[in-house]
Amino acid sequence: MQPKPKAFLALEYSKAEYKKVDVGCAYTFEINTMAKVKPSRVNNPCWVDIEYPELNGTLFITYQEVNGNLDTLLRDGQKLPLQHTKKADVIEGDQYLNPSHNTYGMFYEVEGNAASQAQFYVTDSINHFLTGAIYFRATPNFDSIYPAAAYLKNDIKQLMETVEWQD
């Protein structure tokens, strides 16, 4: 008897379609139509949870105004992915630049049995700072959540690319 080779689950998800979301704060962005926007459990009207019922995951969005504290916000945004280094096999950061939308940031992809598989932040460097982190309601097992994490990685990039600041 031969041992089975390692493999990822072959789950298929519907082709992503996106819609613009305005939660009444200083930003808008596009999300997948399969997702549902809900108020955050934290008592802040500009923090929202983007829930993916089919994927058993939530993208937690936080927003803060920049008031001379950009260095602190950037440091915190860069520290968050590093909290997963004990369980992560790899953490890759990709710089994000979109001068036409005045949006700059980082996207972090986390591989391994970490609690969060992707995180990001975007800012206009003057007034606005938005962060997001995806978490699944399951024991972190990278092999099991990989298909959903890969799917949501594209959604997060779409969100980042469509952020518009309302001044």
N, C-alpha and C. Protein backbone atom coordinates (compact mmCIF):
# COMPACT_ATOMS: atom_id res chain seq x y z
N MET A 1 0.84 -1.18 0.00
CA MET A 1 0.00 0.00 0.00
C MET A 1 0.89 1.25 0.00
N GLN A 2 0.58 2.20 -0.89
CA GLN A 2 1.35 3.43 -1.03
C GLN A 2 0.72 4.55 -0.19
N PRO A 3 1.54 5.40 0.42
CA PRO A 3 0.97 6.56 1.12
C PRO A 3 0.40 7.54 0.11
N LYS A 4 -0.65 8.24 0.51
CA LYS A 4 -1.26 9.23 -0.38
C LYS A 4 -0.35 10.46 -0.46
N PRO A 5 -0.22 11.03 -1.65
CA PRO A 5 0.58 12.26 -1.76
C PRO A 5 -0.15 13.43 -1.11
N LYS A 6 0.64 14.43 -0.67
CA LYS A 6 0.04 15.64 -0.11
C LYS A 6 -0.67 16.39 -1.21
N ALA A 7 -1.81 16.97 -0.89
CA ALA A 7 -2.56 17.75 -1.87
C ALA A 7 -3.44 18.75 -1.16
N PHE A 8 -3.83 19.80 -1.88
CA PHE A 8 -4.76 20.78 -1.36
C PHE A 8 -6.17 20.39 -1.78
N LEU A 9 -7.14 20.81 -0.99
CA LEU A 9 -8.53 20.57 -1.35
C LEU A 9 -8.85 21.26 -2.67
N ALA A 10 -9.64 20.63 -3.49
CA ALA A 10 -10.02 21.20 -4.78
C ALA A 10 -11.42 21.78 -4.68
N LEU A 11 -11.57 22.86 -3.91
CA LEU A 11 -12.86 23.51 -3.75
C LEU A 11 -13.03 24.56 -4.84
N GLU A 12 -14.23 24.68 -5.33
CA GLU A 12 -14.53 25.67 -6.37
C GLU A 12 -15.48 26.71 -5.78
N TYR A 13 -15.20 27.97 -6.05
CA TYR A 13 -16.06 29.05 -5.61
C TYR A 13 -16.55 29.80 -6.83
N SER A 14 -17.69 30.47 -6.69
CA SER A 14 -18.25 31.20 -7.82
C SER A 14 -17.31 32.33 -8.25
N LYS A 15 -17.40 32.69 -9.52
CA LYS A 15 -16.59 33.79 -10.05
C LYS A 15 -16.98 35.06 -9.30
N ALA A 16 -16.00 35.80 -8.86
CA ALA A 16 -16.26 36.99 -8.05
C ALA A 16 -16.89 38.10 -8.88
N GLU A 17 -17.91 38.69 -8.31
CA GLU A 17 -18.52 39.90 -8.84
C GLU A 17 -18.47 40.91 -7.70
N TYR A 18 -18.22 42.17 -8.03
CA TYR A 18 -18.00 43.17 -7.00
C TYR A 18 -19.03 44.29 -7.04
N LYS A 19 -19.27 44.87 -5.86
CA LYS A 19 -20.17 46.02 -5.74
C LYS A 19 -19.51 47.04 -4.82
N LYS A 20 -19.81 48.30 -5.07
CA LYS A 20 -19.27 49.38 -4.25
C LYS A 20 -20.02 49.44 -2.92
N VAL A 21 -19.28 49.65 -1.83
CA VAL A 21 -19.85 49.73 -0.50
C VAL A 21 -19.51 51.08 0.11
N ASP A 22 -20.54 51.72 0.64
CA ASP A 22 -20.37 52.99 1.35
C ASP A 22 -21.02 52.80 2.71
N VAL A 23 -20.20 52.80 3.77
CA VAL A 23 -20.72 52.59 5.12
C VAL A 23 -20.96 53.92 5.85
N GLY A 24 -20.89 55.01 5.11
CA GLY A 24 -21.14 56.32 5.70
C GLY A 24 -19.93 56.91 6.41
N CYS A 25 -18.76 56.45 6.05
CA CYS A 25 -17.52 56.96 6.66
C CYS A 25 -16.67 57.62 5.58
N ALA A 26 -15.43 57.88 5.87
CA ALA A 26 -14.55 58.63 4.98
C ALA A 26 -13.92 57.77 3.89
N TYR A 27 -14.49 56.62 3.61
CA TYR A 27 -13.95 55.72 2.59
C TYR A 27 -15.07 54.93 1.94
N THR A 28 -14.82 54.48 0.73
CA THR A 28 -15.67 53.50 0.04
C THR A 28 -14.72 52.48 -0.59
N PHE A 29 -15.25 51.31 -0.91
CA PHE A 29 -14.47 50.30 -1.61
C PHE A 29 -15.43 49.29 -2.21
N GLU A 30 -14.90 48.37 -2.99
CA GLU A 30 -15.71 47.31 -3.58
C GLU A 30 -15.47 46.00 -2.84
N ILE A 31 -16.57 45.24 -2.69
CA ILE A 31 -16.46 43.91 -2.09
C ILE A 31 -17.19 42.90 -2.97
N ASN A 32 -16.89 41.66 -2.76
CA ASN A 32 -17.54 40.55 -3.45
C ASN A 32 -19.03 40.53 -3.09
N THR A 33 -19.88 40.27 -4.07
CA THR A 33 -21.32 40.23 -3.82
C THR A 33 -21.72 39.07 -2.91
N MET A 34 -20.85 38.06 -2.75
CA MET A 34 -21.17 36.95 -1.83
C MET A 34 -20.96 37.35 -0.37
N ALA A 35 -20.28 38.49 -0.14
CA ALA A 35 -19.98 38.94 1.22
C ALA A 35 -21.09 39.83 1.76
N LYS A 36 -21.16 39.89 3.08
CA LYS A 36 -22.13 40.73 3.77
C LYS A 36 -21.39 41.67 4.72
N VAL A 37 -21.72 42.96 4.64
CA VAL A 37 -21.11 43.94 5.53
C VAL A 37 -21.96 44.07 6.78
N LYS A 38 -21.30 43.96 7.94
CA LYS A 38 -21.98 44.09 9.22
C LYS A 38 -21.20 45.05 10.11
N PRO A 39 -21.89 45.71 11.02
CA PRO A 39 -21.16 46.57 11.96
C PRO A 39 -20.19 45.74 12.79
N SER A 40 -19.07 46.33 13.11
CA SER A 40 -18.08 45.66 13.93
C SER A 40 -18.61 45.45 15.34
N ARG A 41 -18.10 44.46 16.02
CA ARG A 41 -18.47 44.24 17.42
C ARG A 41 -17.88 45.33 18.30
N VAL A 42 -16.85 45.99 17.78
CA VAL A 42 -16.26 47.13 18.50
C VAL A 42 -17.17 48.32 18.25
N ASN A 43 -17.38 49.13 19.24
CA ASN A 43 -18.30 50.26 19.13
C ASN A 43 -17.65 51.42 18.38
N ASN A 44 -17.43 51.22 17.08
CA ASN A 44 -16.88 52.26 16.22
C ASN A 44 -17.61 52.17 14.89
N PRO A 45 -18.37 53.19 14.50
CA PRO A 45 -19.19 53.09 13.30
C PRO A 45 -18.39 52.93 12.00
N CYS A 46 -17.12 53.26 12.00
CA CYS A 46 -16.31 53.14 10.78
C CYS A 46 -15.50 51.86 10.73
N TRP A 47 -15.70 50.97 11.71
CA TRP A 47 -15.11 49.64 11.67
C TRP A 47 -16.22 48.69 11.24
N VAL A 48 -15.93 47.85 10.27
CA VAL A 48 -16.94 46.91 9.77
C VAL A 48 -16.35 45.51 9.64
N ASP A 49 -17.24 44.54 9.66
CA ASP A 49 -16.88 43.15 9.43
C ASP A 49 -17.48 42.74 8.09
N ILE A 50 -16.66 42.23 7.22
CA ILE A 50 -17.13 41.73 5.93
C ILE A 50 -17.15 40.21 6.05
N GLU A 51 -18.35 39.66 6.16
CA GLU A 51 -18.50 38.23 6.41
C GLU A 51 -18.69 37.46 5.12
N TYR A 52 -18.05 36.32 5.06
CA TYR A 52 -18.15 35.37 3.94
C TYR A 52 -18.74 34.08 4.48
N PRO A 53 -20.08 33.98 4.52
CA PRO A 53 -20.71 32.78 5.10
C PRO A 53 -20.29 31.48 4.42
N GLU A 54 -20.16 31.50 3.09
CA GLU A 54 -19.79 30.27 2.36
C GLU A 54 -18.37 29.81 2.68
N LEU A 55 -17.52 30.76 3.07
CA LEU A 55 -16.12 30.43 3.33
C LEU A 55 -15.80 30.35 4.81
N ASN A 56 -16.80 30.65 5.65
CA ASN A 56 -16.61 30.58 7.09
C ASN A 56 -15.52 31.54 7.56
N GLY A 57 -15.48 32.72 6.94
CA GLY A 57 -14.45 33.68 7.28
C GLY A 57 -14.99 35.10 7.37
N THR A 58 -14.21 35.96 8.00
CA THR A 58 -14.57 37.37 8.15
C THR A 58 -13.33 38.23 7.90
N LEU A 59 -13.52 39.29 7.13
CA LEU A 59 -12.49 40.30 6.92
C LEU A 59 -12.84 41.47 7.85
N PHE A 60 -12.00 41.69 8.86
CA PHE A 60 -12.23 42.74 9.84
C PHE A 60 -11.57 44.03 9.35
N ILE A 61 -12.37 45.07 9.16
CA ILE A 61 -11.88 46.35 8.65
C ILE A 61 -11.88 47.38 9.78
N THR A 62 -10.77 48.07 9.95
CA THR A 62 -10.69 49.16 10.91
C THR A 62 -10.29 50.43 10.18
N TYR A 63 -10.78 51.55 10.65
CA TYR A 63 -10.46 52.84 10.06
C TYR A 63 -10.07 53.81 11.16
N GLN A 64 -9.02 54.59 10.89
CA GLN A 64 -8.61 55.64 11.83
C GLN A 64 -8.22 56.87 11.04
N GLU A 65 -8.53 58.02 11.62
CA GLU A 65 -8.06 59.26 11.03
C GLU A 65 -6.59 59.44 11.37
N VAL A 66 -5.86 60.02 10.44
CA VAL A 66 -4.46 60.33 10.68
C VAL A 66 -4.41 61.74 11.27
N ASN A 67 -3.87 61.85 12.47
CA ASN A 67 -3.74 63.14 13.17
C ASN A 67 -2.32 63.29 13.68
N GLY A 68 -1.37 63.36 12.76
CA GLY A 68 0.03 63.47 13.17
C GLY A 68 0.59 62.18 13.72
N ASN A 69 -0.15 61.08 13.58
CA ASN A 69 0.27 59.80 14.15
C ASN A 69 0.52 58.74 13.07
N LEU A 70 0.83 59.17 11.86
CA LEU A 70 1.02 58.22 10.76
C LEU A 70 2.12 57.21 11.08
N ASP A 71 3.22 57.66 11.67
CA ASP A 71 4.30 56.73 12.02
C ASP A 71 3.81 55.61 12.94
N THR A 72 3.02 55.96 13.95
CA THR A 72 2.49 54.97 14.88
C THR A 72 1.54 54.02 14.17
N LEU A 73 0.65 54.57 13.32
CA LEU A 73 -0.30 53.73 12.59
C LEU A 73 0.43 52.77 11.66
N LEU A 74 1.46 53.26 10.96
CA LEU A 74 2.24 52.40 10.07
C LEU A 74 2.96 51.30 10.85
N ARG A 75 3.54 51.68 11.97
CA ARG A 75 4.24 50.69 12.81
C ARG A 75 3.27 49.60 13.27
N ASP A 76 2.08 50.02 13.72
CA ASP A 76 1.07 49.05 14.17
C ASP A 76 0.60 48.18 13.01
N GLY A 77 0.40 48.78 11.83
CA GLY A 77 -0.03 48.02 10.65
C GLY A 77 1.01 47.00 10.21
N GLN A 78 2.29 47.30 10.44
CA GLN A 78 3.35 46.38 10.06
C GLN A 78 3.61 45.34 11.14
N LYS A 79 3.28 45.66 12.40
CA LYS A 79 3.47 44.70 13.50
C LYS A 79 2.43 43.59 13.50
N LEU A 80 1.21 43.91 13.08
CA LEU A 80 0.14 42.93 13.14
C LEU A 80 0.47 41.63 12.43
N PRO A 81 0.97 41.64 11.20
CA PRO A 81 1.32 40.36 10.55
C PRO A 81 2.42 39.61 11.29
N LEU A 82 3.31 40.34 11.93
CA LEU A 82 4.43 39.70 12.62
C LEU A 82 3.98 38.93 13.87
N GLN A 83 2.77 39.21 14.36
CA GLN A 83 2.25 38.47 15.51
C GLN A 83 1.98 37.01 15.16
N HIS A 84 2.00 36.70 13.87
CA HIS A 84 1.71 35.34 13.42
C HIS A 84 2.98 34.55 13.10
N THR A 85 4.15 35.10 13.39
CA THR A 85 5.40 34.44 13.01
C THR A 85 5.62 33.10 13.71
N LYS A 86 5.04 32.90 14.88
CA LYS A 86 5.22 31.62 15.58
C LYS A 86 4.60 30.46 14.82
N LYS A 87 3.46 30.70 14.17
CA LYS A 87 2.74 29.64 13.46
C LYS A 87 2.92 29.71 11.95
N ALA A 88 3.36 30.86 11.44
CA ALA A 88 3.48 31.03 9.99
C ALA A 88 4.76 30.38 9.47
N ASP A 89 4.64 29.82 8.26
CA ASP A 89 5.83 29.32 7.58
C ASP A 89 6.51 30.45 6.81
N VAL A 90 5.69 31.31 6.21
CA VAL A 90 6.18 32.42 5.40
C VAL A 90 5.23 33.60 5.56
N ILE A 91 5.78 34.81 5.67
CA ILE A 91 4.98 36.02 5.61
C ILE A 91 5.59 36.89 4.52
N GLU A 92 4.81 37.13 3.46
CA GLU A 92 5.30 37.93 2.34
C GLU A 92 4.54 39.25 2.31
N GLY A 93 5.27 40.33 2.15
CA GLY A 93 4.66 41.65 2.06
C GLY A 93 4.84 42.24 0.67
N ASP A 94 3.76 42.73 0.10
CA ASP A 94 3.80 43.38 -1.21
C ASP A 94 3.37 44.83 -1.03
N GLN A 95 4.21 45.73 -1.50
CA GLN A 95 3.90 47.15 -1.42
C GLN A 95 2.79 47.48 -2.41
N TYR A 96 1.90 48.37 -2.01
CA TYR A 96 0.79 48.77 -2.87
C TYR A 96 0.85 50.28 -3.08
N LEU A 97 0.86 50.69 -4.33
CA LEU A 97 0.90 52.11 -4.69
C LEU A 97 -0.17 52.39 -5.74
N ASN A 98 -1.03 53.37 -5.46
CA ASN A 98 -2.05 53.79 -6.42
C ASN A 98 -2.17 55.31 -6.35
N PRO A 99 -1.22 56.02 -6.98
CA PRO A 99 -1.23 57.49 -6.90
C PRO A 99 -2.52 58.12 -7.45
N SER A 100 -3.18 57.48 -8.43
CA SER A 100 -4.39 58.07 -8.99
C SER A 100 -5.54 58.11 -7.97
N HIS A 101 -5.54 57.18 -6.99
CA HIS A 101 -6.53 57.20 -5.90
C HIS A 101 -5.91 57.73 -4.61
N ASN A 102 -4.67 58.18 -4.68
CA ASN A 102 -3.95 58.68 -3.50
C ASN A 102 -3.98 57.64 -2.38
N THR A 103 -3.65 56.38 -2.75
CA THR A 103 -3.70 55.26 -1.81
C THR A 103 -2.39 54.48 -1.87
N TYR A 104 -1.83 54.24 -0.69
CA TYR A 104 -0.55 53.55 -0.56
C TYR A 104 -0.66 52.57 0.60
N GLY A 105 0.04 51.45 0.51
CA GLY A 105 -0.05 50.51 1.61
C GLY A 105 0.76 49.25 1.40
N MET A 106 0.37 48.23 2.16
CA MET A 106 1.03 46.92 2.12
C MET A 106 -0.04 45.83 2.19
N PHE A 107 0.24 44.74 1.48
CA PHE A 107 -0.58 43.53 1.55
C PHE A 107 0.34 42.43 2.06
N TYR A 108 -0.08 41.74 3.11
CA TYR A 108 0.70 40.66 3.69
C TYR A 108 -0.03 39.34 3.50
N GLU A 109 0.67 38.38 2.91
CA GLU A 109 0.13 37.04 2.77
C GLU A 109 0.87 36.15 3.76
N VAL A 110 0.10 35.40 4.55
CA VAL A 110 0.67 34.56 5.60
C VAL A 110 0.42 33.11 5.21
N GLU A 111 1.48 32.33 5.13
CA GLU A 111 1.34 30.90 4.83
C GLU A 111 1.69 30.10 6.07
N GLY A 112 0.94 29.05 6.28
CA GLY A 112 1.16 28.21 7.45
C GLY A 112 -0.09 28.18 8.31
N ASN A 113 0.03 27.61 9.48
CA ASN A 113 -1.11 27.42 10.37
C ASN A 113 -1.35 28.62 11.29
N ALA A 114 -1.26 29.81 10.72
CA ALA A 114 -1.47 31.05 11.47
C ALA A 114 -2.97 31.36 11.55
N ALA A 115 -3.33 32.19 12.50
CA ALA A 115 -4.74 32.54 12.70
C ALA A 115 -5.29 33.38 11.54
N SER A 116 -4.46 34.24 10.96
CA SER A 116 -4.89 35.10 9.86
C SER A 116 -4.03 34.81 8.64
N GLN A 117 -4.66 34.62 7.49
CA GLN A 117 -3.92 34.26 6.27
C GLN A 117 -3.56 35.47 5.41
N ALA A 118 -4.19 36.62 5.64
CA ALA A 118 -3.89 37.82 4.86
C ALA A 118 -4.27 39.05 5.67
N GLN A 119 -3.45 40.08 5.52
CA GLN A 119 -3.69 41.35 6.20
C GLN A 119 -3.21 42.47 5.30
N PHE A 120 -3.75 43.65 5.51
CA PHE A 120 -3.33 44.79 4.70
C PHE A 120 -3.56 46.09 5.45
N TYR A 121 -2.94 47.13 4.93
CA TYR A 121 -3.30 48.49 5.32
C TYR A 121 -3.15 49.38 4.10
N VAL A 122 -3.97 50.42 4.05
CA VAL A 122 -3.87 51.45 3.02
C VAL A 122 -4.08 52.80 3.69
N THR A 123 -3.46 53.81 3.10
CA THR A 123 -3.54 55.17 3.64
C THR A 123 -3.36 56.17 2.52
N ASP A 124 -3.82 57.38 2.76
CA ASP A 124 -3.51 58.47 1.84
C ASP A 124 -2.32 59.27 2.38
N SER A 125 -1.79 58.86 3.52
CA SER A 125 -0.62 59.44 4.19
C SER A 125 -0.90 60.79 4.85
N ILE A 126 -2.14 61.27 4.74
CA ILE A 126 -2.46 62.59 5.30
C ILE A 126 -3.63 62.53 6.29
N ASN A 127 -4.74 61.90 5.85
CA ASN A 127 -5.96 61.93 6.65
C ASN A 127 -6.52 60.57 7.04
N HIS A 128 -6.25 59.54 6.24
CA HIS A 128 -6.97 58.27 6.39
C HIS A 128 -6.03 57.07 6.52
N PHE A 129 -6.46 56.09 7.34
CA PHE A 129 -5.71 54.86 7.53
C PHE A 129 -6.70 53.71 7.71
N LEU A 130 -6.66 52.74 6.80
CA LEU A 130 -7.59 51.62 6.80
C LEU A 130 -6.80 50.32 6.87
N THR A 131 -7.21 49.42 7.76
CA THR A 131 -6.54 48.12 7.87
C THR A 131 -7.57 47.01 7.72
N GLY A 132 -7.10 45.83 7.38
CA GLY A 132 -7.96 44.67 7.28
C GLY A 132 -7.20 43.39 7.56
N ALA A 133 -7.90 42.43 8.13
CA ALA A 133 -7.30 41.11 8.41
C ALA A 133 -8.39 40.06 8.26
N ILE A 134 -8.06 38.98 7.58
CA ILE A 134 -9.01 37.89 7.37
C ILE A 134 -8.78 36.81 8.43
N TYR A 135 -9.87 36.34 9.00
CA TYR A 135 -9.83 35.24 9.97
C TYR A 135 -10.92 34.24 9.60
N PHE A 136 -10.61 32.98 9.76
CA PHE A 136 -11.57 31.90 9.50
C PHE A 136 -12.06 31.34 10.82
N ARG A 137 -13.32 30.95 10.85
CA ARG A 137 -13.88 30.33 12.04
C ARG A 137 -13.60 28.82 11.98
N ALA A 138 -12.33 28.51 12.09
CA ALA A 138 -11.88 27.11 12.04
C ALA A 138 -10.49 27.05 12.65
N THR A 139 -10.10 25.88 13.09
CA THR A 139 -8.75 25.69 13.58
C THR A 139 -7.78 25.98 12.45
N PRO A 140 -6.76 26.82 12.69
CA PRO A 140 -5.84 27.15 11.60
C PRO A 140 -5.09 25.92 11.09
N ASN A 141 -5.51 25.42 9.95
CA ASN A 141 -4.84 24.33 9.27
C ASN A 141 -4.69 24.78 7.82
N PHE A 142 -3.50 25.19 7.45
CA PHE A 142 -3.26 25.82 6.15
C PHE A 142 -3.76 24.97 5.00
N ASP A 143 -3.55 23.67 5.05
CA ASP A 143 -4.00 22.80 3.96
C ASP A 143 -5.51 22.88 3.77
N SER A 144 -6.25 22.98 4.86
CA SER A 144 -7.71 23.01 4.76
C SER A 144 -8.26 24.36 4.32
N ILE A 145 -7.64 25.45 4.80
CA ILE A 145 -8.19 26.77 4.47
C ILE A 145 -7.53 27.41 3.26
N TYR A 146 -6.54 26.74 2.68
CA TYR A 146 -5.83 27.33 1.54
C TYR A 146 -6.75 27.76 0.39
N PRO A 147 -7.69 26.93 -0.06
CA PRO A 147 -8.54 27.36 -1.18
C PRO A 147 -9.32 28.64 -0.86
N ALA A 148 -9.88 28.73 0.34
CA ALA A 148 -10.63 29.93 0.73
C ALA A 148 -9.69 31.13 0.87
N ALA A 149 -8.52 30.91 1.44
CA ALA A 149 -7.56 32.00 1.61
C ALA A 149 -7.10 32.54 0.26
N ALA A 150 -6.87 31.66 -0.70
CA ALA A 150 -6.45 32.08 -2.03
C ALA A 150 -7.56 32.88 -2.71
N TYR A 151 -8.79 32.45 -2.56
CA TYR A 151 -9.94 33.16 -3.13
C TYR A 151 -10.06 34.55 -2.52
N LEU A 152 -9.95 34.64 -1.21
CA LEU A 152 -10.11 35.92 -0.52
C LEU A 152 -8.95 36.87 -0.77
N LYS A 153 -7.79 36.35 -1.08
CA LYS A 153 -6.65 37.19 -1.42
C LYS A 153 -7.01 38.10 -2.59
N ASN A 154 -7.70 37.57 -3.59
CA ASN A 154 -8.13 38.39 -4.73
C ASN A 154 -9.16 39.43 -4.31
N ASP A 155 -10.07 39.07 -3.41
CA ASP A 155 -11.06 40.02 -2.92
C ASP A 155 -10.40 41.16 -2.16
N ILE A 156 -9.41 40.84 -1.35
CA ILE A 156 -8.71 41.87 -0.59
C ILE A 156 -7.98 42.82 -1.54
N LYS A 157 -7.35 42.27 -2.54
CA LYS A 157 -6.66 43.14 -3.52
C LYS A 157 -7.65 44.03 -4.25
N GLN A 158 -8.83 43.51 -4.59
CA GLN A 158 -9.87 44.31 -5.22
C GLN A 158 -10.30 45.45 -4.29
N LEU A 159 -10.49 45.13 -3.03
CA LEU A 159 -10.85 46.14 -2.05
C LEU A 159 -9.79 47.23 -2.00
N MET A 160 -8.53 46.84 -1.90
CA MET A 160 -7.44 47.81 -1.83
C MET A 160 -7.40 48.69 -3.08
N GLU A 161 -7.59 48.09 -4.24
CA GLU A 161 -7.50 48.83 -5.49
C GLU A 161 -8.67 49.78 -5.71
N THR A 162 -9.77 49.57 -5.00
CA THR A 162 -10.95 50.40 -5.23
C THR A 162 -11.25 51.36 -4.07
N VAL A 163 -10.35 51.43 -3.09
CA VAL A 163 -10.55 52.38 -1.98
C VAL A 163 -10.57 53.79 -2.55
N GLU A 164 -11.59 54.54 -2.14
CA GLU A 164 -11.67 55.96 -2.46
C GLU A 164 -11.91 56.69 -1.16
N TRP A 165 -11.16 57.76 -0.96
CA TRP A 165 -11.27 58.55 0.27
C TRP A 165 -12.30 59.66 0.07
N GLN A 166 -13.12 59.88 1.06
CA GLN A 166 -14.12 60.95 1.04
C GLN A 166 -13.61 62.05 1.99
N ASP A 167 -13.31 63.18 1.44
CA ASP A 167 -12.81 64.30 2.28
C ASP A 167 -13.87 65.34 2.52
